Amino acid sequence: MPVQRIGFYVVLAGVTLAFVAVLLPFYSAILWAVIFAIVFFPLHMRLERRLRGHANLAAGLSVLICVCLVIVPGLLILSLLFQQASAFYAYLQRGEIDTEQWLAKLEHAMPTFIRDRLHLWDADSVIQWQERISSALLESGRAFAGQAWALGQNTLQSIAAFGIMLYLLFFLFRDGRALRQIVWRSIPLNDRHTRKFISKFTLVVRAIVRSNVIIAVVQALIGGVAFWALGLRPALLWSVAMGILSFLPALGTAIVWGPAAVYLAFSDQWAKAVILVLVGVLVIGLVDNLLRPPLIGQEIKLPDYVVLISTLGGITLLGMNGFVMGPLIAALFISFWSTFIDENSLS
């Protein structure tokens, strides 16, 4: 390979890394602009056909639809969530939830051999654990309330990221076909592999976002209504928590309604505890099993353990962006390795 060619590749790699570093502060805005563009692009194409090729108008209307359908409701729910989290923190601070009394009931309800083992410990140790659990509840409430303050402090950065996302989304809608061709030509694979990569990428993004959002909304609504009906406040806070945790298969909403049922049981509200468990297992728990297969489709369905591990890993590395990126990377990993194995078996 000529020296000039090697030099060109070195410069190309360096410039690419520098460009990625420049974009990193706004990677979330760019990521969600791409996700919204992929999910809503079929709708945009229908709008463009109805508007007889007026690309700018169609792109502007598509952005407006994204704002009205997704972003504005999301911001309203987030605002209400922080309000209820702050109220819950004040509720804990005033001592209206007597954690020490609740822990005493929990200890009394335990089997005798467990209570005997606890009493073998130093009494101070048991008291320390009770204090730690009480302080953990207070810290959780303080963390929720603190997030609202942190968002207020970073308002300018959030507005800038939001503006960049909408600005980029407009051009992704308007120039989506041309950008697709550029990406197609730049991928160093043959046409068959490139076509498979791009189709798999768009299919997985649409399926993951569509299925997760629909399932989260349905489970959050059912859980919120159940919590409200059973007198568990603040119902909206727990509803949103179940919606977020529903992105985790296998565990999901049980992380919220399970402890709530235990709390009701040890508060001598056995009927409410049984009702909540029945709703959680027979209604909320079945929503995922009933809706996920038709929403995702058999062709890109991943095993539950792969979805769980990749989602947790994605969230650990990338925050909330990871609930899309984790399963997406896992799906592409399995797809490419399947292609590699199939081709090697034929050769």
Protein backbone atom coordinates (compact mmCIF):
# COMPACT_ATOMS: atom_id res chain seq x y z
CA MET A 1 0.00 0.00 0.00
CA PRO A 2 1.50 3.40 -0.96
CA VAL A 3 2.70 5.66 1.82
CA GLN A 4 0.28 8.37 0.67
CA ARG A 5 -2.64 5.95 1.06
CA ILE A 6 -1.56 5.03 4.59
CA GLY A 7 -1.14 8.71 5.42
CA PHE A 8 -4.64 9.44 4.12
CA TYR A 9 -6.16 6.73 6.33
CA VAL A 10 -4.26 8.02 9.37
CA VAL A 11 -5.48 11.57 8.77
CA LEU A 12 -9.01 10.28 8.10
CA ALA A 13 -9.03 8.37 11.41
CA GLY A 14 -7.65 11.39 13.29
CA VAL A 15 -10.17 13.82 11.81
CA THR A 16 -13.01 11.37 12.51
CA LEU A 17 -11.97 10.98 16.16
CA ALA A 18 -11.69 14.75 16.52
CA PHE A 19 -15.16 15.21 15.03
CA VAL A 20 -16.60 12.58 17.39
CA ALA A 21 -14.99 14.39 20.34
CA VAL A 22 -16.62 17.66 19.22
CA LEU A 23 -20.04 15.95 19.04
CA LEU A 24 -19.76 14.08 22.36
CA PRO A 25 -21.18 16.90 24.57
CA PHE A 26 -24.44 16.60 22.63
CA TYR A 27 -24.45 12.89 21.87
CA SER A 28 -27.82 12.44 23.62
CA ALA A 29 -29.45 15.10 21.46
CA ILE A 30 -27.96 13.56 18.31
CA LEU A 31 -28.93 10.03 19.35
CA TRP A 32 -32.55 10.94 20.03
CA ALA A 33 -32.80 12.98 16.84
CA VAL A 34 -31.70 9.88 14.91
CA ILE A 35 -34.13 7.67 16.87
CA PHE A 36 -37.07 10.02 16.28
CA ALA A 37 -36.16 10.28 12.60
CA ILE A 38 -36.06 6.49 12.19
CA VAL A 39 -39.31 5.90 14.10
CA PHE A 40 -41.31 8.69 12.43
CA PHE A 41 -39.80 8.56 8.94
CA PRO A 42 -42.64 6.44 7.46
CA LEU A 43 -45.10 9.09 8.68
CA HIS A 44 -42.90 11.81 7.20
CA MET A 45 -42.88 10.05 3.82
CA ARG A 46 -46.69 9.96 3.79
CA LEU A 47 -46.80 13.66 4.65
CA GLU A 48 -44.33 14.47 1.89
CA ARG A 49 -46.43 12.59 -0.66
CA ARG A 50 -49.58 14.41 0.43
CA LEU A 51 -47.80 17.77 0.22
CA ARG A 52 -46.62 16.95 -3.31
CA GLY A 53 -42.90 17.01 -2.60
CA HIS A 54 -42.70 20.16 -0.41
CA ALA A 55 -39.78 18.76 1.59
CA ASN A 56 -39.29 21.71 3.98
CA LEU A 57 -42.97 21.91 4.91
CA ALA A 58 -43.22 18.14 5.37
CA ALA A 59 -40.10 18.10 7.55
CA GLY A 60 -41.40 20.98 9.68
CA LEU A 61 -44.76 19.25 10.18
CA SER A 62 -43.00 15.98 11.07
CA VAL A 63 -40.93 17.75 13.73
CA LEU A 64 -44.09 19.40 15.08
CA ILE A 65 -45.82 16.01 15.30
CA CYS A 66 -42.84 14.60 17.25
CA VAL A 67 -42.99 17.55 19.65
CA CYS A 68 -46.75 17.26 20.21
CA LEU A 69 -46.92 13.47 20.49
CA VAL A 70 -43.76 12.72 22.46
CA ILE A 71 -41.78 15.66 23.80
CA VAL A 72 -44.50 17.89 25.30
CA PRO A 73 -46.29 15.00 27.12
CA GLY A 74 -42.90 13.74 28.33
CA LEU A 75 -41.96 17.15 29.76
CA LEU A 76 -45.34 17.49 31.48
CA ILE A 77 -45.02 14.05 33.08
CA LEU A 78 -41.44 14.83 34.14
CA SER A 79 -42.56 18.08 35.76
CA LEU A 80 -45.36 16.34 37.66
CA LEU A 81 -42.95 13.58 38.65
CA PHE A 82 -40.53 16.02 40.28
CA GLN A 83 -43.39 17.78 42.05
CA GLN A 84 -44.65 14.54 43.53
CA ALA A 85 -41.11 13.41 44.39
CA SER A 86 -40.55 16.65 46.32
CA ALA A 87 -43.89 16.20 48.09
CA PHE A 88 -42.95 12.60 48.96
CA TYR A 89 -39.63 13.78 50.40
CA ALA A 90 -41.45 16.35 52.56
CA TYR A 91 -43.85 13.58 53.60
CA LEU A 92 -40.91 11.48 54.81
CA GLN A 93 -39.26 14.43 56.55
CA ARG A 94 -42.40 15.18 58.55
CA GLY A 95 -42.36 11.60 59.80
CA GLU A 96 -45.79 10.73 58.41
CA ILE A 97 -44.32 7.37 57.39
CA ASP A 98 -43.15 5.75 60.63
CA THR A 99 -40.37 3.53 59.28
CA GLU A 100 -39.34 2.29 62.73
CA GLN A 101 -42.87 1.08 63.48
CA TRP A 102 -43.09 -0.53 60.05
CA LEU A 103 -39.75 -2.34 60.56
CA ALA A 104 -40.94 -3.52 63.97
CA LYS A 105 -44.03 -5.02 62.31
CA LEU A 106 -41.82 -6.61 59.69
CA GLU A 107 -39.67 -8.21 62.38
CA HIS A 108 -42.74 -9.45 64.26
CA ALA A 109 -44.12 -11.07 61.09
CA MET A 110 -40.90 -12.94 60.35
CA PRO A 111 -40.66 -16.68 61.07
CA THR A 112 -39.44 -17.54 64.56
CA PHE A 113 -36.06 -18.94 63.46
CA ILE A 114 -35.22 -15.72 61.60
CA ARG A 115 -36.23 -13.57 64.58
CA ASP A 116 -34.12 -15.75 66.89
CA ARG A 117 -31.15 -15.33 64.55
CA LEU A 118 -31.67 -11.55 64.54
CA HIS A 119 -31.76 -11.42 68.31
CA LEU A 120 -28.40 -13.20 68.42
CA TRP A 121 -26.93 -10.04 66.94
CA ASP A 122 -26.02 -7.13 69.06
CA ALA A 123 -29.13 -5.02 69.72
CA ASP A 124 -27.22 -1.94 68.60
CA SER A 125 -26.62 -3.58 65.21
CA VAL A 126 -30.36 -4.12 64.68
CA ILE A 127 -31.05 -0.49 65.60
CA GLN A 128 -28.31 0.63 63.21
CA TRP A 129 -29.91 -1.35 60.36
CA GLN A 130 -33.28 0.24 61.11
CA GLU A 131 -31.69 3.67 61.07
CA ARG A 132 -29.93 2.87 57.78
CA ILE A 133 -33.19 1.81 56.11
CA SER A 134 -34.94 4.95 57.38
CA SER A 135 -32.11 7.16 56.17
CA ALA A 136 -32.08 5.34 52.81
CA LEU A 137 -35.74 6.26 52.29
CA LEU A 138 -34.96 9.88 53.14
CA GLU A 139 -31.97 9.88 50.82
CA SER A 140 -34.11 8.52 47.98
CA GLY A 141 -36.61 11.30 48.44
CA ARG A 142 -33.82 13.86 48.68
CA ALA A 143 -32.26 12.52 45.48
CA PHE A 144 -35.53 12.91 43.55
CA ALA A 145 -36.00 16.43 44.87
CA GLY A 146 -32.35 17.23 44.11
CA GLN A 147 -32.74 16.20 40.50
CA ALA A 148 -35.33 18.93 40.01
CA TRP A 149 -32.85 21.48 41.34
CA ALA A 150 -30.06 20.08 39.14
CA LEU A 151 -32.28 20.37 36.07
CA GLY A 152 -32.99 23.96 36.97
CA GLN A 153 -29.26 24.68 37.26
CA ASN A 154 -28.60 23.11 33.83
CA THR A 155 -31.51 24.80 32.09
CA LEU A 156 -29.34 26.54 29.52
CA GLN A 157 -27.56 23.31 28.54
CA SER A 158 -30.86 21.42 28.38
CA ILE A 159 -32.39 24.10 26.14
CA ALA A 160 -29.34 24.02 23.88
CA ALA A 161 -29.49 20.21 23.59
CA PHE A 162 -33.23 20.34 22.93
CA GLY A 163 -32.74 22.94 20.20
CA ILE A 164 -29.95 20.92 18.58
CA MET A 165 -32.11 17.80 18.60
CA LEU A 166 -35.05 19.56 16.88
CA TYR A 167 -32.75 21.33 14.41
CA LEU A 168 -31.00 18.10 13.46
CA LEU A 169 -34.31 16.22 13.35
CA PHE A 170 -35.63 18.68 10.72
CA PHE A 171 -32.70 17.97 8.40
CA LEU A 172 -32.82 14.22 9.04
CA PHE A 173 -36.42 14.26 7.86
CA ARG A 174 -35.77 16.53 4.89
CA ASP A 175 -32.51 14.95 3.70
CA GLY A 176 -33.04 11.44 5.06
CA ARG A 177 -32.86 9.65 1.73
CA ALA A 178 -29.67 11.42 0.66
CA LEU A 179 -28.04 10.78 4.03
CA ARG A 180 -29.00 7.13 3.77
CA GLN A 181 -27.17 6.87 0.45
CA ILE A 182 -24.08 8.55 1.94
CA VAL A 183 -24.07 6.10 4.85
CA TRP A 184 -24.61 3.25 2.39
CA ARG A 185 -21.54 4.21 0.34
CA SER A 186 -19.33 4.87 3.37
CA ILE A 187 -19.82 1.48 5.06
CA PRO A 188 -16.87 -0.76 4.09
CA LEU A 189 -19.01 -3.80 3.32
CA ASN A 190 -20.40 -5.33 0.16
CA ASP A 191 -23.88 -4.29 -0.98
CA ARG A 192 -25.62 -7.33 0.46
CA HIS A 193 -24.11 -6.88 3.92
CA THR A 194 -24.66 -3.12 3.83
CA ARG A 195 -28.30 -3.57 2.91
CA LYS A 196 -28.74 -6.09 5.71
CA PHE A 197 -26.97 -3.82 8.22
CA ILE A 198 -29.07 -0.74 7.43
CA SER A 199 -32.38 -2.61 7.30
CA LYS A 200 -31.57 -4.43 10.54
CA PHE A 201 -30.55 -1.19 12.24
CA THR A 202 -33.76 0.67 11.34
CA LEU A 203 -35.95 -2.35 12.07
CA VAL A 204 -34.43 -2.92 15.51
CA VAL A 205 -34.61 0.77 16.49
CA ARG A 206 -38.27 1.03 15.50
CA ALA A 207 -39.21 -2.23 17.19
CA ILE A 208 -37.35 -1.51 20.43
CA VAL A 209 -38.65 2.04 20.82
CA ARG A 210 -42.22 1.20 19.78
CA SER A 211 -42.53 -1.90 21.95
CA ASN A 212 -40.82 -0.47 25.02
CA VAL A 213 -42.79 2.78 24.97
CA ILE A 214 -46.18 1.11 24.44
CA ILE A 215 -45.52 -1.50 27.13
CA ALA A 216 -44.19 1.15 29.54
CA VAL A 217 -47.26 3.36 29.05
CA VAL A 218 -49.71 0.47 29.49
CA GLN A 219 -47.98 -0.93 32.58
CA ALA A 220 -47.55 2.53 34.11
CA LEU A 221 -51.25 3.34 33.60
CA ILE A 222 -52.41 0.04 35.10
CA GLY A 223 -49.98 0.31 38.02
CA GLY A 224 -50.83 3.97 38.66
CA VAL A 225 -54.57 3.29 38.73
CA ALA A 226 -54.02 0.33 41.08
CA PHE A 227 -51.85 2.39 43.44
CA TRP A 228 -54.38 5.25 43.41
CA ALA A 229 -57.30 2.91 44.07
CA LEU A 230 -55.47 1.23 46.96
CA GLY A 231 -54.54 4.55 48.54
CA LEU A 232 -50.79 4.32 47.90
CA ARG A 233 -49.54 7.86 47.45
CA PRO A 234 -48.06 9.53 45.46
CA ALA A 235 -49.56 7.31 42.76
CA LEU A 236 -48.08 9.29 39.86
CA LEU A 237 -44.55 8.89 41.24
CA TRP A 238 -44.90 5.12 41.50
CA SER A 239 -46.63 4.97 38.11
CA VAL A 240 -43.72 6.71 36.38
CA ALA A 241 -41.25 4.54 38.31
CA MET A 242 -43.02 1.41 37.01
CA GLY A 243 -43.00 2.84 33.48
CA ILE A 244 -39.24 3.38 33.64
CA LEU A 245 -38.51 0.01 35.24
CA SER A 246 -40.71 -1.79 32.71
CA PHE A 247 -37.79 -1.46 30.28
CA LEU A 248 -36.11 -4.20 32.33
CA PRO A 249 -37.58 -7.59 31.39
CA ALA A 250 -38.09 -10.27 34.05
CA LEU A 251 -37.80 -7.77 36.94
CA GLY A 252 -39.46 -4.59 35.72
CA THR A 253 -42.48 -3.26 37.57
CA ALA A 254 -42.26 -5.90 40.31
CA ILE A 255 -39.45 -3.82 41.82
CA VAL A 256 -42.14 -1.24 42.66
CA TRP A 257 -45.35 -3.13 43.32
CA GLY A 258 -43.63 -6.00 45.17
CA PRO A 259 -42.33 -3.89 48.11
CA ALA A 260 -45.62 -1.94 48.05
CA ALA A 261 -47.54 -5.20 48.56
CA VAL A 262 -45.18 -6.15 51.40
CA TYR A 263 -45.76 -2.73 52.97
CA LEU A 264 -49.54 -3.20 52.80
CA ALA A 265 -49.27 -6.69 54.28
CA PHE A 266 -47.17 -5.56 57.24
CA SER A 267 -49.52 -2.62 57.73
CA ASP A 268 -52.33 -5.18 58.34
CA GLN A 269 -53.99 -4.29 55.03
CA TRP A 270 -54.02 -7.86 53.76
CA ALA A 271 -56.92 -7.45 51.34
CA LYS A 272 -55.18 -4.57 49.58
CA ALA A 273 -51.90 -6.49 49.53
CA VAL A 274 -53.56 -9.50 47.87
CA ILE A 275 -55.30 -7.27 45.33
CA LEU A 276 -52.02 -5.54 44.44
CA VAL A 277 -50.21 -8.87 44.01
CA LEU A 278 -53.00 -10.19 41.79
CA VAL A 279 -52.95 -7.04 39.66
CA GLY A 280 -49.16 -7.14 39.47
CA VAL A 281 -48.92 -10.80 38.48
CA LEU A 282 -52.07 -11.35 36.44
CA VAL A 283 -52.44 -7.94 34.75
CA ILE A 284 -49.21 -5.92 34.77
CA GLY A 285 -46.98 -8.97 34.47
CA LEU A 286 -48.91 -10.40 31.54
CA VAL A 287 -48.86 -7.17 29.53
CA ASP A 288 -45.20 -7.70 28.65
CA ASN A 289 -45.75 -11.31 27.58
CA LEU A 290 -48.83 -10.47 25.52
CA LEU A 291 -47.66 -7.28 23.81
CA ARG A 292 -43.91 -7.71 23.29
CA PRO A 293 -43.97 -10.62 20.74
CA PRO A 294 -46.37 -8.96 18.24
CA LEU A 295 -44.78 -5.53 18.73
CA ILE A 296 -41.16 -6.60 18.28
CA GLY A 297 -41.78 -9.40 15.79
CA GLN A 298 -40.23 -12.83 15.61
CA GLU A 299 -37.44 -11.86 13.23
CA ILE A 300 -35.58 -9.63 15.71
CA LYS A 301 -36.77 -11.14 18.98
CA LEU A 302 -33.93 -11.61 21.45
CA PRO A 303 -33.89 -14.06 24.37
CA ASP A 304 -35.09 -12.44 27.60
CA TYR A 305 -31.73 -12.90 29.30
CA VAL A 306 -29.94 -11.13 26.41
CA VAL A 307 -32.41 -8.24 26.56
CA LEU A 308 -32.04 -7.96 30.33
CA ILE A 309 -28.23 -8.03 30.38
CA SER A 310 -27.83 -5.74 27.36
CA THR A 311 -30.38 -3.26 28.75
CA LEU A 312 -28.71 -3.15 32.18
CA GLY A 313 -25.28 -2.85 30.57
CA GLY A 314 -26.47 -0.11 28.23
CA ILE A 315 -28.04 1.88 31.06
CA THR A 316 -24.87 1.46 33.16
CA LEU A 317 -22.66 2.80 30.36
CA LEU A 318 -24.95 5.38 28.74
CA GLY A 319 -27.66 6.23 31.26
CA MET A 320 -31.23 6.20 29.99
CA ASN A 321 -29.95 6.23 26.41
CA GLY A 322 -28.79 2.68 27.05
CA PHE A 323 -32.29 1.21 27.09
CA VAL A 324 -32.23 1.61 23.29
CA MET A 325 -28.52 1.24 22.61
CA GLY A 326 -28.00 -1.89 24.73
CA PRO A 327 -30.55 -4.15 22.97
CA LEU A 328 -29.69 -2.53 19.62
CA ILE A 329 -26.01 -3.46 19.96
CA ALA A 330 -26.99 -6.95 21.14
CA ALA A 331 -29.30 -7.45 18.14
CA LEU A 332 -26.65 -6.25 15.68
CA PHE A 333 -24.01 -8.41 17.39
CA ILE A 334 -26.14 -11.53 17.01
CA SER A 335 -27.11 -10.60 13.44
CA PHE A 336 -23.53 -10.06 12.25
CA TRP A 337 -22.18 -13.16 13.96
CA SER A 338 -25.04 -15.22 12.50
CA THR A 339 -24.11 -13.93 9.05
CA PHE A 340 -20.45 -14.73 9.65
CA ILE A 341 -21.25 -18.28 10.83
CA ASP A 342 -23.62 -18.93 7.93
CA GLU A 343 -21.10 -17.80 5.34
CA ASN A 344 -18.28 -19.83 6.88
CA SER A 345 -20.46 -22.94 6.99
CA LEU A 346 -21.20 -22.55 3.27
CA SER A 347 -17.57 -22.04 2.24
